N, C-alpha and C. Protein backbone atom coordinates (compact mmCIF):
# COMPACT_ATOMS: atom_id res chain seq x y z
N MET A 1 9.94 12.69 4.28
CA MET A 1 8.56 12.39 4.60
C MET A 1 8.49 11.06 5.35
N LYS A 2 7.93 11.08 6.54
CA LYS A 2 7.85 9.86 7.35
C LYS A 2 6.41 9.34 7.36
N LEU A 3 6.28 8.04 7.14
CA LEU A 3 4.98 7.38 7.12
C LEU A 3 5.03 6.21 8.09
N GLU A 4 3.91 5.94 8.76
CA GLU A 4 3.82 4.83 9.71
C GLU A 4 2.60 3.98 9.39
N HIS A 5 2.79 2.66 9.41
CA HIS A 5 1.70 1.73 9.14
C HIS A 5 1.82 0.54 10.08
N SER A 6 0.69 -0.07 10.38
CA SER A 6 0.65 -1.27 11.22
C SER A 6 -0.41 -2.21 10.70
N PHE A 7 -0.14 -3.50 10.83
CA PHE A 7 -1.16 -4.51 10.53
C PHE A 7 -0.85 -5.74 11.37
N HIS A 8 -1.79 -6.67 11.42
CA HIS A 8 -1.65 -7.87 12.23
C HIS A 8 -1.59 -9.12 11.36
N VAL A 9 -0.85 -10.10 11.84
CA VAL A 9 -0.77 -11.42 11.22
C VAL A 9 -1.33 -12.42 12.21
N ASP A 10 -2.21 -13.29 11.76
CA ASP A 10 -2.85 -14.26 12.65
C ASP A 10 -1.94 -15.46 12.89
N ASP A 11 -0.83 -15.22 13.57
CA ASP A 11 0.12 -16.27 13.93
C ASP A 11 1.03 -15.72 15.02
N ASP A 12 1.75 -16.63 15.72
CA ASP A 12 2.67 -16.14 16.74
C ASP A 12 3.87 -15.48 16.08
N VAL A 13 4.64 -14.73 16.86
CA VAL A 13 5.65 -13.86 16.28
C VAL A 13 6.76 -14.63 15.58
N ASP A 14 7.16 -15.80 16.12
CA ASP A 14 8.22 -16.57 15.47
C ASP A 14 7.74 -17.14 14.14
N ALA A 15 6.52 -17.68 14.13
CA ALA A 15 5.98 -18.21 12.89
C ALA A 15 5.75 -17.10 11.87
N ALA A 16 5.27 -15.96 12.35
CA ALA A 16 5.04 -14.83 11.45
C ALA A 16 6.35 -14.34 10.85
N TRP A 17 7.42 -14.35 11.65
CA TRP A 17 8.73 -13.94 11.14
C TRP A 17 9.14 -14.82 9.97
N ASP A 18 8.93 -16.15 10.10
CA ASP A 18 9.27 -17.06 9.02
C ASP A 18 8.38 -16.84 7.79
N VAL A 19 7.08 -16.69 8.02
CA VAL A 19 6.15 -16.51 6.90
C VAL A 19 6.46 -15.23 6.15
N LEU A 20 6.67 -14.14 6.88
CA LEU A 20 6.90 -12.85 6.24
C LEU A 20 8.27 -12.76 5.58
N ASN A 21 9.13 -13.74 5.80
CA ASN A 21 10.43 -13.76 5.14
C ASN A 21 10.49 -14.79 4.03
N ASP A 22 9.35 -15.27 3.58
CA ASP A 22 9.29 -16.22 2.47
C ASP A 22 8.99 -15.46 1.19
N VAL A 23 9.93 -15.47 0.26
CA VAL A 23 9.78 -14.71 -0.98
C VAL A 23 8.52 -15.11 -1.74
N ARG A 24 8.28 -16.40 -1.84
CA ARG A 24 7.14 -16.87 -2.63
C ARG A 24 5.83 -16.33 -2.09
N ARG A 25 5.66 -16.39 -0.78
CA ARG A 25 4.41 -15.92 -0.19
C ARG A 25 4.25 -14.41 -0.30
N THR A 26 5.29 -13.67 0.05
CA THR A 26 5.16 -12.23 0.02
C THR A 26 5.01 -11.69 -1.39
N ALA A 27 5.67 -12.32 -2.35
CA ALA A 27 5.54 -11.86 -3.74
C ALA A 27 4.11 -12.00 -4.23
N LEU A 28 3.44 -13.07 -3.80
CA LEU A 28 2.05 -13.27 -4.21
C LEU A 28 1.13 -12.22 -3.60
N CYS A 29 1.57 -11.58 -2.53
CA CYS A 29 0.72 -10.60 -1.85
C CYS A 29 0.95 -9.17 -2.32
N MET A 30 2.02 -8.95 -3.08
CA MET A 30 2.37 -7.60 -3.50
C MET A 30 2.09 -7.40 -4.98
N PRO A 31 1.11 -6.58 -5.33
CA PRO A 31 0.79 -6.36 -6.74
C PRO A 31 1.95 -5.70 -7.47
N GLY A 32 2.38 -6.35 -8.56
CA GLY A 32 3.38 -5.75 -9.43
C GLY A 32 4.82 -5.94 -9.04
N ALA A 33 5.11 -6.48 -7.85
CA ALA A 33 6.49 -6.49 -7.36
C ALA A 33 7.16 -7.84 -7.57
N ALA A 34 8.48 -7.81 -7.79
CA ALA A 34 9.26 -9.02 -7.95
C ALA A 34 10.70 -8.75 -7.54
N VAL A 35 11.34 -9.76 -6.94
CA VAL A 35 12.75 -9.69 -6.59
C VAL A 35 13.55 -10.32 -7.73
N ASP A 36 14.57 -9.60 -8.23
CA ASP A 36 15.39 -10.12 -9.32
C ASP A 36 16.63 -10.84 -8.82
N THR A 37 17.42 -10.18 -7.98
CA THR A 37 18.67 -10.78 -7.51
C THR A 37 18.87 -10.49 -6.03
N VAL A 38 19.57 -11.41 -5.36
CA VAL A 38 19.97 -11.23 -3.97
C VAL A 38 21.44 -11.62 -3.87
N ASP A 39 22.28 -10.68 -3.44
CA ASP A 39 23.72 -10.92 -3.30
C ASP A 39 24.14 -10.43 -1.93
N GLY A 40 24.16 -11.35 -0.96
CA GLY A 40 24.43 -10.95 0.41
C GLY A 40 23.30 -10.08 0.93
N ASP A 41 23.62 -8.85 1.31
CA ASP A 41 22.60 -7.92 1.80
C ASP A 41 22.08 -6.99 0.71
N ASP A 42 22.56 -7.17 -0.52
CA ASP A 42 22.15 -6.30 -1.63
C ASP A 42 21.10 -6.98 -2.49
N ILE A 43 20.05 -6.23 -2.79
CA ILE A 43 18.91 -6.78 -3.52
C ILE A 43 18.55 -5.87 -4.68
N THR A 44 18.15 -6.44 -5.80
CA THR A 44 17.56 -5.67 -6.88
C THR A 44 16.15 -6.19 -7.13
N GLY A 45 15.27 -5.29 -7.52
CA GLY A 45 13.89 -5.68 -7.75
C GLY A 45 13.24 -4.77 -8.77
N ARG A 46 11.99 -5.08 -9.08
CA ARG A 46 11.25 -4.29 -10.06
C ARG A 46 9.78 -4.28 -9.68
N CYS A 47 9.08 -3.33 -10.23
CA CYS A 47 7.65 -3.22 -9.99
C CYS A 47 6.97 -2.77 -11.27
N LYS A 48 5.95 -3.52 -11.68
CA LYS A 48 5.17 -3.15 -12.85
C LYS A 48 3.96 -2.34 -12.41
N VAL A 49 3.77 -1.21 -13.05
CA VAL A 49 2.67 -0.31 -12.73
C VAL A 49 1.81 -0.11 -13.96
N LYS A 50 0.51 -0.30 -13.80
CA LYS A 50 -0.43 -0.14 -14.91
C LYS A 50 -1.14 1.19 -14.78
N LEU A 51 -1.06 2.00 -15.84
CA LEU A 51 -1.77 3.27 -15.92
C LEU A 51 -2.71 3.20 -17.12
N GLY A 52 -3.95 2.77 -16.88
CA GLY A 52 -4.87 2.57 -17.99
C GLY A 52 -4.34 1.47 -18.89
N PRO A 53 -4.18 1.75 -20.21
CA PRO A 53 -3.71 0.71 -21.13
C PRO A 53 -2.19 0.57 -21.13
N ILE A 54 -1.47 1.41 -20.40
CA ILE A 54 -0.01 1.42 -20.42
C ILE A 54 0.54 0.71 -19.19
N THR A 55 1.54 -0.15 -19.41
CA THR A 55 2.23 -0.82 -18.31
C THR A 55 3.68 -0.37 -18.28
N LEU A 56 4.12 0.12 -17.14
CA LEU A 56 5.49 0.61 -16.97
C LEU A 56 6.21 -0.28 -15.96
N THR A 57 7.52 -0.42 -16.12
CA THR A 57 8.32 -1.20 -15.19
C THR A 57 9.39 -0.32 -14.57
N TYR A 58 9.41 -0.28 -13.24
CA TYR A 58 10.40 0.49 -12.50
C TYR A 58 11.36 -0.48 -11.81
N ARG A 59 12.63 -0.13 -11.83
CA ARG A 59 13.64 -0.98 -11.20
C ARG A 59 14.35 -0.21 -10.10
N GLY A 60 14.79 -0.95 -9.10
CA GLY A 60 15.48 -0.31 -8.00
C GLY A 60 16.40 -1.29 -7.29
N GLN A 61 17.11 -0.78 -6.31
CA GLN A 61 17.99 -1.63 -5.52
C GLN A 61 17.87 -1.26 -4.05
N ALA A 62 18.20 -2.20 -3.20
CA ALA A 62 18.08 -1.98 -1.76
C ALA A 62 19.17 -2.76 -1.04
N THR A 63 19.45 -2.34 0.18
CA THR A 63 20.47 -2.99 1.01
C THR A 63 19.93 -3.15 2.42
N PHE A 64 20.11 -4.35 2.97
CA PHE A 64 19.74 -4.58 4.36
C PHE A 64 20.78 -3.94 5.27
N ILE A 65 20.34 -3.05 6.14
CA ILE A 65 21.22 -2.41 7.11
C ILE A 65 21.22 -3.20 8.42
N GLU A 66 20.10 -3.80 8.74
CA GLU A 66 19.98 -4.57 9.98
C GLU A 66 18.95 -5.67 9.79
N ARG A 67 19.28 -6.88 10.27
CA ARG A 67 18.34 -8.00 10.30
C ARG A 67 18.56 -8.74 11.62
N ASP A 68 17.68 -8.51 12.57
CA ASP A 68 17.83 -9.05 13.92
C ASP A 68 16.69 -10.04 14.18
N ALA A 69 16.99 -11.34 14.03
CA ALA A 69 15.96 -12.36 14.19
C ALA A 69 15.48 -12.43 15.64
N ALA A 70 16.36 -12.18 16.60
CA ALA A 70 15.97 -12.24 18.00
C ALA A 70 14.99 -11.13 18.35
N ALA A 71 15.24 -9.94 17.83
CA ALA A 71 14.36 -8.79 18.10
C ALA A 71 13.24 -8.66 17.08
N HIS A 72 13.28 -9.51 16.04
CA HIS A 72 12.29 -9.45 14.96
C HIS A 72 12.23 -8.04 14.37
N ARG A 73 13.40 -7.56 13.97
CA ARG A 73 13.53 -6.19 13.45
C ARG A 73 14.35 -6.21 12.16
N ILE A 74 13.89 -5.46 11.16
CA ILE A 74 14.59 -5.34 9.89
C ILE A 74 14.69 -3.86 9.52
N VAL A 75 15.87 -3.44 9.05
CA VAL A 75 16.05 -2.09 8.52
C VAL A 75 16.62 -2.20 7.12
N LEU A 76 15.99 -1.53 6.17
CA LEU A 76 16.40 -1.61 4.78
C LEU A 76 16.43 -0.22 4.17
N GLU A 77 17.43 0.02 3.31
CA GLU A 77 17.50 1.27 2.55
C GLU A 77 17.48 0.94 1.07
N GLY A 78 16.72 1.73 0.30
CA GLY A 78 16.63 1.47 -1.13
C GLY A 78 16.41 2.74 -1.91
N GLN A 79 16.51 2.61 -3.24
CA GLN A 79 16.28 3.75 -4.10
C GLN A 79 15.81 3.29 -5.47
N GLY A 80 15.10 4.17 -6.15
CA GLY A 80 14.62 3.90 -7.49
C GLY A 80 14.52 5.20 -8.25
N GLN A 81 14.45 5.09 -9.58
CA GLN A 81 14.41 6.29 -10.41
C GLN A 81 13.43 6.11 -11.54
N ASP A 82 12.72 7.19 -11.87
CA ASP A 82 11.77 7.21 -12.97
C ASP A 82 12.38 8.03 -14.11
N GLY A 83 13.39 7.45 -14.77
CA GLY A 83 14.04 8.16 -15.86
C GLY A 83 14.56 9.51 -15.39
N SER A 84 14.19 10.56 -16.11
CA SER A 84 14.61 11.91 -15.74
C SER A 84 13.55 12.64 -14.92
N ASN A 85 12.45 11.94 -14.60
CA ASN A 85 11.32 12.59 -13.91
C ASN A 85 11.53 12.74 -12.41
N GLY A 86 12.37 11.91 -11.83
CA GLY A 86 12.56 12.02 -10.39
C GLY A 86 13.15 10.76 -9.80
N ARG A 87 13.52 10.87 -8.55
CA ARG A 87 14.14 9.77 -7.83
C ARG A 87 13.48 9.63 -6.46
N ALA A 88 13.39 8.39 -6.00
CA ALA A 88 12.84 8.12 -4.67
C ALA A 88 13.86 7.30 -3.89
N SER A 89 14.19 7.74 -2.70
CA SER A 89 15.01 6.94 -1.78
C SER A 89 14.17 6.65 -0.55
N ILE A 90 14.38 5.47 0.03
CA ILE A 90 13.47 5.03 1.08
C ILE A 90 14.23 4.24 2.13
N THR A 91 13.89 4.47 3.38
CA THR A 91 14.38 3.66 4.50
C THR A 91 13.16 3.09 5.21
N VAL A 92 13.15 1.78 5.38
CA VAL A 92 12.02 1.11 6.02
C VAL A 92 12.51 0.34 7.24
N VAL A 93 11.85 0.56 8.37
CA VAL A 93 12.12 -0.19 9.59
C VAL A 93 10.88 -1.03 9.90
N ALA A 94 11.05 -2.34 9.98
CA ALA A 94 9.94 -3.25 10.29
C ALA A 94 10.19 -3.90 11.64
N ASN A 95 9.20 -3.83 12.52
CA ASN A 95 9.26 -4.46 13.84
C ASN A 95 8.07 -5.39 14.02
N LEU A 96 8.35 -6.63 14.42
CA LEU A 96 7.30 -7.60 14.71
C LEU A 96 7.24 -7.81 16.22
N THR A 97 6.04 -7.72 16.78
CA THR A 97 5.86 -7.92 18.22
C THR A 97 4.66 -8.82 18.47
N ALA A 98 4.77 -9.63 19.53
CA ALA A 98 3.66 -10.51 19.90
C ALA A 98 2.50 -9.68 20.42
N ASP A 99 1.30 -10.07 20.03
CA ASP A 99 0.08 -9.38 20.47
C ASP A 99 -0.97 -10.44 20.73
N GLY A 100 -0.90 -11.03 21.93
CA GLY A 100 -1.76 -12.17 22.23
C GLY A 100 -1.29 -13.36 21.40
N GLY A 101 -2.20 -13.99 20.69
CA GLY A 101 -1.84 -15.08 19.80
C GLY A 101 -1.54 -14.61 18.40
N ARG A 102 -1.50 -13.29 18.21
CA ARG A 102 -1.25 -12.73 16.89
C ARG A 102 0.09 -11.99 16.90
N THR A 103 0.44 -11.44 15.73
CA THR A 103 1.67 -10.66 15.60
C THR A 103 1.34 -9.30 15.01
N ARG A 104 1.84 -8.27 15.65
CA ARG A 104 1.69 -6.91 15.13
C ARG A 104 2.94 -6.55 14.32
N VAL A 105 2.72 -6.06 13.11
CA VAL A 105 3.81 -5.62 12.24
C VAL A 105 3.75 -4.10 12.13
N ASP A 106 4.79 -3.43 12.59
CA ASP A 106 4.87 -1.97 12.51
C ASP A 106 5.92 -1.57 11.48
N LEU A 107 5.53 -0.74 10.54
CA LEU A 107 6.43 -0.26 9.50
C LEU A 107 6.63 1.24 9.65
N GLU A 108 7.87 1.67 9.71
CA GLU A 108 8.21 3.08 9.71
C GLU A 108 8.97 3.38 8.42
N THR A 109 8.43 4.25 7.61
CA THR A 109 9.00 4.55 6.30
C THR A 109 9.45 5.99 6.23
N ASP A 110 10.70 6.19 5.83
CA ASP A 110 11.24 7.53 5.60
C ASP A 110 11.46 7.65 4.10
N LEU A 111 10.63 8.44 3.43
CA LEU A 111 10.63 8.55 1.97
C LEU A 111 11.15 9.92 1.55
N LYS A 112 12.18 9.93 0.71
CA LYS A 112 12.73 11.17 0.18
C LYS A 112 12.53 11.20 -1.33
N LEU A 113 11.97 12.29 -1.84
CA LEU A 113 11.62 12.39 -3.25
C LEU A 113 12.27 13.60 -3.89
N THR A 114 12.62 13.46 -5.16
CA THR A 114 13.09 14.60 -5.95
C THR A 114 12.35 14.60 -7.28
N GLY A 115 12.33 15.74 -7.96
CA GLY A 115 11.65 15.83 -9.24
C GLY A 115 10.15 15.90 -9.10
N LYS A 116 9.43 15.41 -10.10
CA LYS A 116 7.97 15.50 -10.12
C LYS A 116 7.29 14.86 -8.92
N PRO A 117 7.74 13.67 -8.47
CA PRO A 117 7.06 13.06 -7.31
C PRO A 117 7.09 13.93 -6.07
N ALA A 118 8.10 14.82 -5.96
CA ALA A 118 8.21 15.67 -4.77
C ALA A 118 7.11 16.71 -4.68
N GLN A 119 6.32 16.88 -5.75
CA GLN A 119 5.25 17.86 -5.76
C GLN A 119 4.09 17.45 -4.86
N PHE A 120 4.01 16.17 -4.53
CA PHE A 120 2.88 15.69 -3.75
C PHE A 120 3.10 15.91 -2.27
N GLY A 121 2.02 16.24 -1.58
CA GLY A 121 2.09 16.43 -0.15
C GLY A 121 2.01 15.12 0.60
N ARG A 122 2.20 15.22 1.92
CA ARG A 122 2.18 14.03 2.75
C ARG A 122 0.83 13.34 2.72
N GLY A 123 -0.25 14.11 2.60
CA GLY A 123 -1.58 13.50 2.58
C GLY A 123 -1.77 12.55 1.43
N VAL A 124 -1.31 12.95 0.24
CA VAL A 124 -1.44 12.09 -0.94
C VAL A 124 -0.60 10.84 -0.77
N MET A 125 0.65 11.00 -0.33
CA MET A 125 1.53 9.86 -0.17
C MET A 125 1.00 8.90 0.90
N ALA A 126 0.47 9.45 1.98
CA ALA A 126 -0.08 8.61 3.04
C ALA A 126 -1.28 7.83 2.54
N ASP A 127 -2.12 8.46 1.73
CA ASP A 127 -3.31 7.78 1.20
C ASP A 127 -2.92 6.64 0.28
N VAL A 128 -1.97 6.90 -0.64
CA VAL A 128 -1.54 5.85 -1.56
C VAL A 128 -0.89 4.70 -0.80
N SER A 129 0.00 5.02 0.14
CA SER A 129 0.69 3.96 0.87
C SER A 129 -0.27 3.19 1.77
N ASP A 130 -1.26 3.86 2.36
CA ASP A 130 -2.26 3.17 3.18
C ASP A 130 -2.98 2.10 2.36
N ARG A 131 -3.36 2.46 1.15
CA ARG A 131 -4.10 1.51 0.31
C ARG A 131 -3.22 0.35 -0.14
N LEU A 132 -1.97 0.65 -0.48
CA LEU A 132 -1.06 -0.41 -0.91
C LEU A 132 -0.80 -1.40 0.21
N ILE A 133 -0.51 -0.91 1.40
CA ILE A 133 -0.23 -1.80 2.52
C ILE A 133 -1.49 -2.52 2.97
N GLY A 134 -2.63 -1.87 2.84
CA GLY A 134 -3.89 -2.54 3.12
C GLY A 134 -4.12 -3.72 2.20
N GLN A 135 -3.82 -3.55 0.91
CA GLN A 135 -3.94 -4.64 -0.04
C GLN A 135 -3.01 -5.79 0.32
N PHE A 136 -1.78 -5.45 0.71
CA PHE A 136 -0.82 -6.48 1.09
C PHE A 136 -1.30 -7.26 2.30
N ALA A 137 -1.74 -6.55 3.34
CA ALA A 137 -2.18 -7.21 4.57
C ALA A 137 -3.38 -8.11 4.32
N ASP A 138 -4.32 -7.66 3.48
CA ASP A 138 -5.49 -8.48 3.17
C ASP A 138 -5.09 -9.75 2.42
N ALA A 139 -4.19 -9.60 1.44
CA ALA A 139 -3.76 -10.76 0.66
C ALA A 139 -2.99 -11.75 1.53
N LEU A 140 -2.17 -11.23 2.44
CA LEU A 140 -1.42 -12.10 3.34
C LEU A 140 -2.35 -12.85 4.27
N ALA A 141 -3.37 -12.17 4.78
CA ALA A 141 -4.34 -12.81 5.67
C ALA A 141 -5.06 -13.94 4.96
N GLN A 142 -5.41 -13.73 3.69
CA GLN A 142 -6.08 -14.77 2.92
C GLN A 142 -5.17 -15.98 2.73
N GLN A 143 -3.89 -15.74 2.48
CA GLN A 143 -2.95 -16.85 2.33
C GLN A 143 -2.83 -17.65 3.61
N LEU A 144 -2.70 -16.96 4.74
CA LEU A 144 -2.55 -17.64 6.02
C LEU A 144 -3.80 -18.43 6.38
N ALA A 145 -4.96 -17.87 6.06
CA ALA A 145 -6.21 -18.56 6.36
C ALA A 145 -6.36 -19.81 5.50
N ALA A 146 -5.90 -19.75 4.26
CA ALA A 146 -6.05 -20.88 3.34
C ALA A 146 -5.02 -21.97 3.59
N ASP A 147 -3.85 -21.58 4.09
CA ASP A 147 -2.76 -22.54 4.25
C ASP A 147 -1.95 -22.18 5.48
N GLN A 148 -2.52 -22.39 6.66
CA GLN A 148 -1.84 -22.04 7.91
C GLN A 148 -0.62 -22.92 8.09
N PRO A 149 0.59 -22.35 8.21
CA PRO A 149 1.78 -23.17 8.40
C PRO A 149 1.80 -23.84 9.77
N THR A 150 2.41 -25.02 9.82
CA THR A 150 2.56 -25.73 11.08
C THR A 150 3.86 -25.32 11.73
N SER A 151 4.19 -25.95 12.87
CA SER A 151 5.40 -25.58 13.58
C SER A 151 6.63 -25.92 12.74
N GLY A 152 7.71 -25.22 13.00
CA GLY A 152 8.94 -25.42 12.24
C GLY A 152 9.02 -24.44 11.09
N GLU A 153 10.19 -24.36 10.46
CA GLU A 153 10.40 -23.40 9.40
C GLU A 153 9.76 -23.87 8.11
N LEU A 154 9.35 -22.90 7.32
CA LEU A 154 8.83 -23.19 6.00
C LEU A 154 9.98 -23.58 5.09
N GLU A 155 9.69 -24.42 4.11
CA GLU A 155 10.69 -24.77 3.12
C GLU A 155 10.96 -23.57 2.24
N PRO A 156 12.20 -23.10 2.12
CA PRO A 156 12.47 -21.93 1.31
C PRO A 156 12.06 -22.16 -0.13
N SER A 157 11.46 -21.17 -0.73
CA SER A 157 11.04 -21.29 -2.12
C SER A 157 12.20 -20.95 -3.03
N SER A 158 12.27 -21.63 -4.16
CA SER A 158 13.34 -21.34 -5.11
C SER A 158 12.97 -20.15 -5.95
N GLU A 159 13.99 -19.53 -6.57
CA GLU A 159 13.74 -18.35 -7.38
C GLU A 159 12.83 -18.67 -8.54
N GLY A 160 12.87 -19.90 -9.03
CA GLY A 160 12.04 -20.27 -10.16
C GLY A 160 10.58 -20.49 -9.79
N ASP A 161 10.27 -20.54 -8.47
CA ASP A 161 8.90 -20.78 -8.06
C ASP A 161 8.02 -19.56 -8.21
N LEU A 162 8.61 -18.37 -8.34
CA LEU A 162 7.83 -17.15 -8.36
C LEU A 162 7.09 -16.99 -9.67
N ALA A 163 5.78 -16.75 -9.58
CA ALA A 163 4.98 -16.50 -10.76
C ALA A 163 5.19 -15.07 -11.21
N PRO A 164 5.02 -14.79 -12.54
CA PRO A 164 5.15 -13.41 -13.01
C PRO A 164 4.19 -12.49 -12.27
N ALA A 165 4.69 -11.35 -11.84
CA ALA A 165 3.86 -10.43 -11.06
C ALA A 165 2.85 -9.72 -11.94
N GLU A 166 1.61 -9.64 -11.46
CA GLU A 166 0.60 -8.86 -12.15
C GLU A 166 0.87 -7.38 -11.88
N PRO A 167 0.69 -6.53 -12.88
CA PRO A 167 0.98 -5.10 -12.68
C PRO A 167 0.10 -4.50 -11.59
N LEU A 168 0.65 -3.55 -10.87
CA LEU A 168 -0.11 -2.77 -9.90
C LEU A 168 -0.99 -1.78 -10.66
N ASP A 169 -2.30 -1.85 -10.45
CA ASP A 169 -3.23 -0.92 -11.08
C ASP A 169 -3.26 0.35 -10.25
N LEU A 170 -2.48 1.33 -10.68
CA LEU A 170 -2.34 2.54 -9.88
C LEU A 170 -3.63 3.34 -9.81
N LEU A 171 -4.47 3.24 -10.84
CA LEU A 171 -5.74 3.96 -10.82
C LEU A 171 -6.67 3.43 -9.74
N ALA A 172 -6.40 2.20 -9.27
CA ALA A 172 -7.24 1.61 -8.23
C ALA A 172 -6.86 2.11 -6.84
N VAL A 173 -5.66 2.69 -6.72
CA VAL A 173 -5.21 3.15 -5.40
C VAL A 173 -5.00 4.65 -5.35
N ALA A 174 -5.26 5.35 -6.45
CA ALA A 174 -5.10 6.80 -6.46
C ALA A 174 -5.97 7.38 -7.56
N SER A 175 -6.26 8.67 -7.46
CA SER A 175 -7.03 9.33 -8.50
C SER A 175 -6.23 9.36 -9.80
N ASP A 176 -6.91 9.59 -10.91
CA ASP A 176 -6.27 9.59 -12.22
C ASP A 176 -5.11 10.58 -12.27
N ALA A 177 -5.35 11.81 -11.82
CA ALA A 177 -4.31 12.84 -11.89
C ALA A 177 -3.12 12.49 -11.02
N VAL A 178 -3.40 12.01 -9.81
CA VAL A 178 -2.31 11.63 -8.90
C VAL A 178 -1.56 10.43 -9.46
N ALA A 179 -2.30 9.45 -9.97
CA ALA A 179 -1.69 8.22 -10.46
C ALA A 179 -0.69 8.50 -11.56
N ARG A 180 -1.03 9.38 -12.45
CA ARG A 180 -0.17 9.64 -13.60
C ARG A 180 1.13 10.32 -13.20
N ARG A 181 1.17 10.94 -12.04
CA ARG A 181 2.38 11.64 -11.62
C ARG A 181 3.09 10.96 -10.45
N SER A 182 2.48 9.93 -9.87
CA SER A 182 3.09 9.32 -8.68
C SER A 182 3.42 7.85 -8.87
N ALA A 183 3.57 7.41 -10.12
CA ALA A 183 3.86 6.00 -10.37
C ALA A 183 5.15 5.57 -9.71
N VAL A 184 6.19 6.40 -9.79
CA VAL A 184 7.47 6.02 -9.21
C VAL A 184 7.37 5.90 -7.69
N VAL A 185 6.53 6.73 -7.06
CA VAL A 185 6.37 6.66 -5.61
C VAL A 185 5.66 5.37 -5.22
N ALA A 186 4.56 5.06 -5.91
CA ALA A 186 3.83 3.83 -5.61
C ALA A 186 4.72 2.62 -5.86
N ALA A 187 5.46 2.64 -6.96
CA ALA A 187 6.35 1.53 -7.26
C ALA A 187 7.42 1.38 -6.18
N SER A 188 7.96 2.50 -5.72
CA SER A 188 8.98 2.45 -4.67
C SER A 188 8.42 1.87 -3.38
N LEU A 189 7.20 2.27 -3.01
CA LEU A 189 6.58 1.76 -1.80
C LEU A 189 6.32 0.26 -1.90
N VAL A 190 5.81 -0.18 -3.05
CA VAL A 190 5.53 -1.61 -3.24
C VAL A 190 6.81 -2.41 -3.17
N CYS A 191 7.82 -1.99 -3.95
CA CYS A 191 9.07 -2.73 -3.97
C CYS A 191 9.75 -2.72 -2.61
N ALA A 192 9.70 -1.60 -1.92
CA ALA A 192 10.33 -1.52 -0.61
C ALA A 192 9.66 -2.47 0.37
N LEU A 193 8.34 -2.52 0.36
CA LEU A 193 7.64 -3.42 1.26
C LEU A 193 7.97 -4.86 0.95
N LEU A 194 7.98 -5.21 -0.32
CA LEU A 194 8.33 -6.58 -0.70
C LEU A 194 9.75 -6.91 -0.27
N LEU A 195 10.69 -6.01 -0.57
CA LEU A 195 12.09 -6.28 -0.27
C LEU A 195 12.35 -6.38 1.22
N VAL A 196 11.72 -5.51 2.00
CA VAL A 196 12.03 -5.47 3.42
C VAL A 196 11.51 -6.70 4.15
N ILE A 197 10.44 -7.34 3.65
CA ILE A 197 9.92 -8.50 4.37
C ILE A 197 9.98 -9.77 3.55
N GLY A 198 10.53 -9.71 2.34
CA GLY A 198 10.42 -10.87 1.49
C GLY A 198 11.69 -11.49 0.97
N THR A 199 12.88 -11.08 1.45
CA THR A 199 14.08 -11.61 0.83
C THR A 199 15.08 -12.20 1.81
N ARG A 200 14.75 -12.27 3.07
CA ARG A 200 15.69 -12.84 4.04
C ARG A 200 15.98 -14.30 3.70
N ARG A 201 14.98 -15.05 3.31
CA ARG A 201 15.21 -16.45 3.00
C ARG A 201 16.09 -16.61 1.77
N ALA A 202 15.82 -15.79 0.75
CA ALA A 202 16.64 -15.88 -0.45
C ALA A 202 18.10 -15.57 -0.12
N SER A 203 18.32 -14.59 0.75
CA SER A 203 19.68 -14.24 1.13
C SER A 203 20.34 -15.37 1.91
N GLN A 204 19.59 -15.99 2.81
CA GLN A 204 20.12 -17.11 3.57
C GLN A 204 20.45 -18.27 2.64
N ARG A 205 19.58 -18.51 1.64
CA ARG A 205 19.80 -19.61 0.71
C ARG A 205 21.06 -19.37 -0.10
N ARG A 206 21.28 -18.12 -0.56
CA ARG A 206 22.47 -17.79 -1.32
C ARG A 206 23.72 -17.98 -0.47
N SER A 207 23.66 -17.62 0.81
CA SER A 207 24.81 -17.78 1.70
C SER A 207 25.14 -19.25 1.90
N ARG A 208 24.11 -20.08 2.05
CA ARG A 208 24.35 -21.51 2.24
C ARG A 208 25.01 -22.11 1.00
N ARG A 209 24.57 -21.67 -0.19
CA ARG A 209 25.16 -22.18 -1.42
C ARG A 209 26.64 -21.84 -1.50
N ARG A 210 27.01 -20.62 -1.07
CA ARG A 210 28.41 -20.22 -1.11
C ARG A 210 29.25 -21.04 -0.15
N GLN A 211 28.65 -21.45 0.99
CA GLN A 211 29.39 -22.23 1.96
C GLN A 211 29.70 -23.63 1.45
N HIS A 212 28.82 -24.14 0.55
CA HIS A 212 29.04 -25.49 0.01
C HIS A 212 30.03 -25.36 -1.11
């Protein structure tokens, strides 16, 4: 299943590349998502999903296949599992391009599902992912408006700077019936989006530590 999304960042493409690769900022924009470890190009993460009074935590892993700072392009592959209910594997391609004084972010997602999540059609998955990415883009815009970065690179945030992630309220982005059966899909989409645009700095920081 292939999904496509686009949104704009109110900054030039180089500055947007730095902002979108800051773990602290992107984590604050993604409901329920958190990065646990970064080891070279390999990442592990988790996503908390709230279904009414119940909070569930999904874990997954991802690997950077391509990170091209000159072309402002990232390719990431990841996977997650909901116990015995099903598995989700995902490939995300992110491209940043200049659009006047702004930056256009294009996401191409190839989502493969097995088990219960595979019962949903493309329309349901597109609707859920549209709302999730819309929430992310709105939260990111608010951050940039409140604290517009100046020229030069942002100071990398430490792993300890990340606040505990608030659970993703799945009922807010899908109907009750869909939410109860698509938690792993929503969690995979959230974690994939966070991982694909939010861990380059952490990876660079880990590499620098190894060099010392």
